[in-house]
N, C-alpha and C. Protein backbone atom coordinates (compact mmCIF):
# COMPACT_ATOMS: atom_id res chain seq x y z
N MET A 1 0.85 -1.17 0.00
CA MET A 1 0.00 0.00 0.00
C MET A 1 0.90 1.23 0.00
N ILE A 2 0.63 2.10 -0.92
CA ILE A 2 1.43 3.31 -1.04
C ILE A 2 0.65 4.47 -0.43
N VAL A 3 1.29 5.18 0.49
CA VAL A 3 0.67 6.32 1.16
C VAL A 3 1.28 7.58 0.58
N SER A 4 0.43 8.42 0.05
CA SER A 4 0.91 9.67 -0.53
C SER A 4 0.89 10.75 0.54
N VAL A 5 2.06 11.22 0.89
CA VAL A 5 2.17 12.26 1.92
C VAL A 5 1.53 13.56 1.43
N HIS A 6 1.73 13.88 0.19
CA HIS A 6 1.16 15.11 -0.37
C HIS A 6 -0.38 15.08 -0.30
N LYS A 7 -0.96 13.94 -0.58
CA LYS A 7 -2.42 13.80 -0.54
C LYS A 7 -2.93 13.99 0.89
N TRP A 8 -2.24 13.38 1.86
CA TRP A 8 -2.65 13.52 3.25
C TRP A 8 -2.45 14.94 3.76
N LEU A 9 -1.42 15.62 3.31
CA LEU A 9 -1.23 17.01 3.71
C LEU A 9 -2.33 17.90 3.15
N GLU A 10 -2.74 17.65 1.92
CA GLU A 10 -3.84 18.42 1.33
C GLU A 10 -5.15 18.18 2.09
N ARG A 11 -5.41 16.94 2.44
CA ARG A 11 -6.63 16.61 3.20
C ARG A 11 -6.60 17.25 4.58
N THR A 12 -5.45 17.20 5.23
CA THR A 12 -5.31 17.81 6.56
C THR A 12 -5.49 19.32 6.47
N LYS A 13 -4.91 19.93 5.46
CA LYS A 13 -5.07 21.37 5.28
C LYS A 13 -6.53 21.73 5.04
N PHE A 14 -7.21 20.94 4.22
CA PHE A 14 -8.63 21.17 3.97
C PHE A 14 -9.44 21.02 5.24
N LEU A 15 -9.16 19.98 6.03
CA LEU A 15 -9.89 19.76 7.27
C LEU A 15 -9.68 20.90 8.26
N ILE A 16 -8.45 21.36 8.40
CA ILE A 16 -8.16 22.48 9.30
C ILE A 16 -8.87 23.74 8.83
N LEU A 17 -8.83 24.00 7.54
CA LEU A 17 -9.51 25.17 6.99
C LEU A 17 -11.02 25.08 7.20
N PHE A 18 -11.58 23.90 6.99
CA PHE A 18 -13.02 23.69 7.17
C PHE A 18 -13.43 23.92 8.61
N VAL A 19 -12.70 23.35 9.55
CA VAL A 19 -13.02 23.51 10.97
C VAL A 19 -12.88 24.97 11.38
N THR A 20 -11.84 25.64 10.92
CA THR A 20 -11.62 27.05 11.26
C THR A 20 -12.75 27.93 10.73
N LEU A 21 -13.11 27.75 9.48
CA LEU A 21 -14.18 28.57 8.91
C LEU A 21 -15.54 28.26 9.53
N THR A 22 -15.77 27.00 9.90
CA THR A 22 -17.00 26.65 10.60
C THR A 22 -17.08 27.34 11.95
N TYR A 23 -15.98 27.36 12.68
CA TYR A 23 -15.94 28.03 13.98
C TYR A 23 -16.14 29.54 13.82
N VAL A 24 -15.52 30.14 12.83
CA VAL A 24 -15.68 31.58 12.58
C VAL A 24 -17.13 31.90 12.24
N LEU A 25 -17.75 31.09 11.40
CA LEU A 25 -19.15 31.31 11.06
C LEU A 25 -20.05 31.15 12.28
N TYR A 26 -19.75 30.19 13.13
CA TYR A 26 -20.51 30.01 14.37
C TYR A 26 -20.40 31.25 15.26
N ARG A 27 -19.21 31.79 15.40
CA ARG A 27 -19.02 32.98 16.23
C ARG A 27 -19.73 34.20 15.63
N VAL A 28 -19.73 34.32 14.31
CA VAL A 28 -20.43 35.43 13.65
C VAL A 28 -21.93 35.32 13.91
N PHE A 29 -22.48 34.12 13.80
CA PHE A 29 -23.90 33.93 14.08
C PHE A 29 -24.22 34.22 15.55
N ALA A 30 -23.35 33.83 16.46
CA ALA A 30 -23.55 34.11 17.87
C ALA A 30 -23.53 35.61 18.13
N LEU A 31 -22.61 36.32 17.50
CA LEU A 31 -22.54 37.77 17.65
C LEU A 31 -23.79 38.43 17.07
N PHE A 32 -24.24 37.94 15.94
CA PHE A 32 -25.45 38.48 15.31
C PHE A 32 -26.68 38.23 16.18
N SER A 33 -26.77 37.07 16.81
CA SER A 33 -27.93 36.78 17.65
C SER A 33 -27.94 37.67 18.90
N VAL A 34 -26.78 37.99 19.44
CA VAL A 34 -26.71 38.91 20.58
C VAL A 34 -27.12 40.30 20.15
N TRP A 35 -26.75 40.70 18.95
CA TRP A 35 -27.08 42.03 18.44
C TRP A 35 -28.58 42.16 18.17
N VAL A 36 -29.22 41.09 17.71
CA VAL A 36 -30.64 41.14 17.37
C VAL A 36 -31.52 41.03 18.60
N GLU A 37 -31.10 40.29 19.60
CA GLU A 37 -31.91 40.06 20.79
C GLU A 37 -32.15 41.37 21.53
N PRO A 38 -33.39 41.62 21.98
CA PRO A 38 -33.65 42.86 22.72
C PRO A 38 -32.90 42.88 24.05
N VAL A 39 -32.60 44.09 24.50
CA VAL A 39 -31.82 44.24 25.73
C VAL A 39 -32.60 43.73 26.93
N ASP A 40 -33.82 44.21 27.09
CA ASP A 40 -34.67 43.78 28.19
C ASP A 40 -36.00 43.36 27.61
N LYS A 41 -36.15 42.07 27.34
CA LYS A 41 -37.36 41.63 26.65
C LYS A 41 -38.58 41.58 27.56
N TYR A 42 -38.43 41.78 28.86
CA TYR A 42 -39.57 41.75 29.77
C TYR A 42 -39.95 43.14 30.29
N ARG A 43 -39.43 44.18 29.66
CA ARG A 43 -39.77 45.53 30.11
C ARG A 43 -41.20 45.87 29.71
N HIS A 44 -41.77 46.85 30.38
CA HIS A 44 -43.12 47.29 30.05
C HIS A 44 -43.10 48.02 28.72
N PRO A 45 -44.08 47.77 27.87
CA PRO A 45 -44.10 48.44 26.57
C PRO A 45 -44.32 49.93 26.72
N SER A 46 -43.78 50.69 25.78
CA SER A 46 -43.94 52.14 25.81
C SER A 46 -44.79 52.58 24.64
N GLY A 47 -45.27 53.79 24.70
CA GLY A 47 -46.08 54.32 23.59
C GLY A 47 -47.54 53.92 23.73
N THR A 48 -48.16 53.65 22.61
CA THR A 48 -49.60 53.36 22.62
C THR A 48 -49.88 51.86 22.65
N SER A 49 -48.89 51.06 22.98
CA SER A 49 -49.10 49.61 23.02
C SER A 49 -49.93 49.23 24.24
N VAL A 50 -50.59 48.11 24.13
CA VAL A 50 -51.47 47.64 25.19
C VAL A 50 -50.98 46.28 25.65
N LYS A 51 -50.96 46.08 26.96
CA LYS A 51 -50.58 44.78 27.49
C LYS A 51 -51.77 43.85 27.36
N VAL A 52 -51.59 42.74 26.66
CA VAL A 52 -52.71 41.86 26.33
C VAL A 52 -53.12 41.01 27.52
N PHE A 53 -52.19 40.44 28.21
CA PHE A 53 -52.51 39.51 29.28
C PHE A 53 -51.96 40.05 30.59
N GLN A 54 -52.84 40.26 31.56
CA GLN A 54 -52.42 40.72 32.87
C GLN A 54 -52.66 39.58 33.85
N GLN A 55 -51.59 39.10 34.43
CA GLN A 55 -51.68 37.93 35.28
C GLN A 55 -52.41 38.23 36.58
N HIS A 56 -52.25 39.43 37.10
CA HIS A 56 -52.83 39.78 38.39
C HIS A 56 -54.03 40.70 38.23
N ALA A 57 -54.76 40.54 37.15
CA ALA A 57 -55.93 41.39 36.92
C ALA A 57 -57.05 41.02 37.88
N ILE A 58 -57.78 42.03 38.31
CA ILE A 58 -58.91 41.80 39.21
C ILE A 58 -60.08 41.32 38.37
N GLN A 59 -60.64 40.19 38.73
CA GLN A 59 -61.74 39.62 37.97
C GLN A 59 -63.04 40.27 38.44
N THR A 60 -63.80 40.77 37.47
CA THR A 60 -65.09 41.37 37.79
C THR A 60 -66.17 40.31 37.76
N GLU A 61 -67.38 40.71 38.05
CA GLU A 61 -68.48 39.75 38.16
C GLU A 61 -68.79 39.09 36.82
N GLY A 62 -68.68 39.81 35.71
CA GLY A 62 -69.05 39.27 34.41
C GLY A 62 -67.90 38.64 33.65
N SER A 63 -66.74 38.52 34.24
CA SER A 63 -65.59 38.00 33.49
C SER A 63 -65.66 36.48 33.40
N GLU A 64 -65.14 35.96 32.28
CA GLU A 64 -65.17 34.52 32.06
C GLU A 64 -63.95 33.86 32.68
N SER A 65 -64.00 32.56 32.76
CA SER A 65 -62.85 31.82 33.26
C SER A 65 -61.77 31.76 32.18
N MET A 66 -60.60 31.33 32.57
CA MET A 66 -59.50 31.24 31.62
C MET A 66 -59.82 30.22 30.53
N ALA A 67 -60.49 29.12 30.86
CA ALA A 67 -60.84 28.12 29.85
C ALA A 67 -61.81 28.69 28.83
N THR A 68 -62.76 29.49 29.27
CA THR A 68 -63.71 30.11 28.34
C THR A 68 -63.01 31.11 27.44
N ARG A 69 -62.12 31.90 28.02
CA ARG A 69 -61.37 32.87 27.21
C ARG A 69 -60.51 32.16 26.18
N LEU A 70 -59.87 31.05 26.57
CA LEU A 70 -59.04 30.30 25.64
C LEU A 70 -59.89 29.67 24.54
N ARG A 71 -61.06 29.14 24.89
CA ARG A 71 -61.96 28.55 23.89
C ARG A 71 -62.40 29.60 22.89
N LEU A 72 -62.76 30.79 23.36
CA LEU A 72 -63.16 31.87 22.46
C LEU A 72 -61.99 32.34 21.60
N PHE A 73 -60.80 32.33 22.16
CA PHE A 73 -59.62 32.71 21.39
C PHE A 73 -59.43 31.78 20.21
N TYR A 74 -59.54 30.47 20.45
CA TYR A 74 -59.38 29.51 19.36
C TYR A 74 -60.58 29.53 18.42
N TRP A 75 -61.77 29.82 18.94
CA TRP A 75 -62.97 29.84 18.10
C TRP A 75 -62.91 30.99 17.09
N TYR A 76 -62.57 32.19 17.57
CA TYR A 76 -62.53 33.36 16.70
C TYR A 76 -61.20 33.49 15.96
N GLY A 77 -60.18 32.88 16.47
CA GLY A 77 -58.88 32.96 15.82
C GLY A 77 -58.21 34.30 16.02
N GLU A 78 -58.50 34.97 17.09
CA GLU A 78 -57.91 36.28 17.36
C GLU A 78 -57.08 36.22 18.61
């Protein structure tokens, strides 16, 4: 069996280049995801936005249960 040193060096160089570029691309995507992610995603909205779901809302006499609200949500699709 004849082993070509030149062939193995080319394959090793390709493998090292592939791993290096894969790692660089991974780091670029990680940097991009940090840049895109909001700073404080749980802050209160500003402007004219409305908070849709209030966990500690006071239930009035005519309010429905959570199951009824969920059923209506799926029924109307809103």
